């Protein structure tokens, strides 16, 4: 049972990790002249699941015009995932 719970935690954290990475890549597209439709349901869903993580971090991780919140979020997600899995499995 603990293994299944640990696997579910890993899956959720991997989904969040990929969602943040995709959001970062999408943020680069306008610089290449590719327009992103903010009303697209997929884009809105992506923002709705990543904003609760990224928005609070932005207050502390923005240097000038450079937003480091995705980097901090990805590192934090990896750390929290590892900690939760170890707690669940009893290591």
Protein backbone atom coordinates (compact mmCIF):
# COMPACT_ATOMS: atom_id res chain seq x y z
CA UNK A 1 0.00 0.00 0.00
CA UNK A 2 2.82 2.41 0.84
CA UNK A 3 4.45 1.74 -2.53
CA UNK A 4 1.24 2.69 -4.36
CA UNK A 5 0.94 5.92 -2.37
CA UNK A 6 4.60 6.73 -3.04
CA UNK A 7 4.06 6.10 -6.75
CA UNK A 8 1.01 8.38 -6.78
CA UNK A 9 3.02 11.15 -5.08
CA UNK A 10 5.78 10.73 -7.67
CA UNK A 11 3.29 10.91 -10.54
CA UNK A 12 1.64 14.08 -9.20
CA UNK A 13 4.99 15.77 -8.66
CA UNK A 14 6.22 14.75 -12.12
CA UNK A 15 3.08 16.19 -13.70
CA UNK A 16 3.67 19.47 -11.86
CA UNK A 17 7.36 19.45 -12.84
CA UNK A 18 6.49 19.02 -16.53
CA UNK A 19 3.70 21.61 -16.34
CA UNK A 20 6.13 24.23 -15.01
CA UNK A 21 8.72 23.32 -17.64
CA UNK A 22 6.14 23.57 -20.44
CA UNK A 23 4.98 26.93 -19.09
CA UNK A 24 8.57 28.20 -19.18
CA UNK A 25 9.02 27.02 -22.76
CA UNK A 26 5.72 28.62 -23.78
CA UNK A 27 6.85 31.91 -22.25
CA UNK A 28 9.76 31.97 -24.70
CA UNK A 29 7.57 31.61 -27.80
CA UNK A 30 6.47 35.28 -28.03
CA UNK A 31 10.16 36.27 -28.26
CA UNK A 32 10.35 34.05 -31.36
CA UNK A 33 7.32 35.79 -32.86
CA UNK A 34 4.88 32.98 -32.05
CA UNK A 35 1.67 34.20 -30.44
CA UNK A 36 0.13 32.25 -27.56
CA UNK A 37 -3.65 32.52 -27.14
CA UNK A 38 -4.28 33.20 -23.42
CA UNK A 39 -7.93 32.14 -23.86
CA UNK A 40 -7.00 28.66 -25.06
CA UNK A 41 -8.41 26.17 -22.50
CA UNK A 42 -5.15 24.19 -22.42
CA UNK A 43 -3.13 27.34 -21.68
CA UNK A 44 -5.64 28.42 -19.03
CA UNK A 45 -5.48 24.98 -17.39
CA UNK A 46 -1.66 25.07 -17.44
CA UNK A 47 -1.67 28.47 -15.77
CA UNK A 48 -4.30 27.41 -13.22
CA UNK A 49 -2.19 24.49 -11.98
CA UNK A 50 1.17 26.30 -12.01
CA UNK A 51 0.16 29.75 -10.69
CA UNK A 52 -0.41 28.55 -7.10
CA UNK A 53 3.23 27.44 -7.02
CA UNK A 54 4.90 30.19 -9.07
CA UNK A 55 3.04 33.32 -7.95
CA UNK A 56 4.07 33.23 -4.25
CA UNK A 57 7.69 32.58 -5.26
CA UNK A 58 7.81 35.53 -7.68
CA UNK A 59 7.85 38.02 -4.80
CA UNK A 60 11.20 36.65 -3.65
CA UNK A 61 12.81 35.30 -6.82
CA UNK A 62 12.48 38.10 -9.35
CA UNK A 63 15.67 40.03 -10.05
CA UNK A 64 14.94 42.98 -12.31
CA UNK A 65 13.16 41.43 -15.27
CA UNK A 66 14.50 37.92 -14.62
CA UNK A 67 12.00 35.56 -13.01
CA UNK A 68 13.74 32.71 -11.23
CA UNK A 69 10.57 31.28 -9.70
CA UNK A 70 10.38 28.31 -12.10
CA UNK A 71 13.92 27.24 -11.19
CA UNK A 72 13.20 27.53 -7.47
CA UNK A 73 9.88 25.71 -7.95
CA UNK A 74 11.47 22.82 -9.86
CA UNK A 75 14.20 22.39 -7.25
CA UNK A 76 11.62 22.67 -4.44
CA UNK A 77 9.29 20.15 -6.06
CA UNK A 78 12.15 17.67 -6.40
CA UNK A 79 13.13 18.13 -2.76
CA UNK A 80 9.56 17.85 -1.43
CA UNK A 81 8.84 14.81 -3.63
CA UNK A 82 11.93 13.04 -2.35
CA UNK A 83 11.08 13.88 1.26
CA UNK A 84 7.47 12.68 0.94
CA UNK A 85 8.43 9.43 -0.77
CA UNK A 86 11.02 8.70 1.92
CA UNK A 87 8.48 9.42 4.66
CA UNK A 88 5.87 7.21 3.01
CA UNK A 89 8.26 4.32 2.45
CA UNK A 90 9.88 4.70 5.87
CA UNK A 91 13.47 5.30 4.77
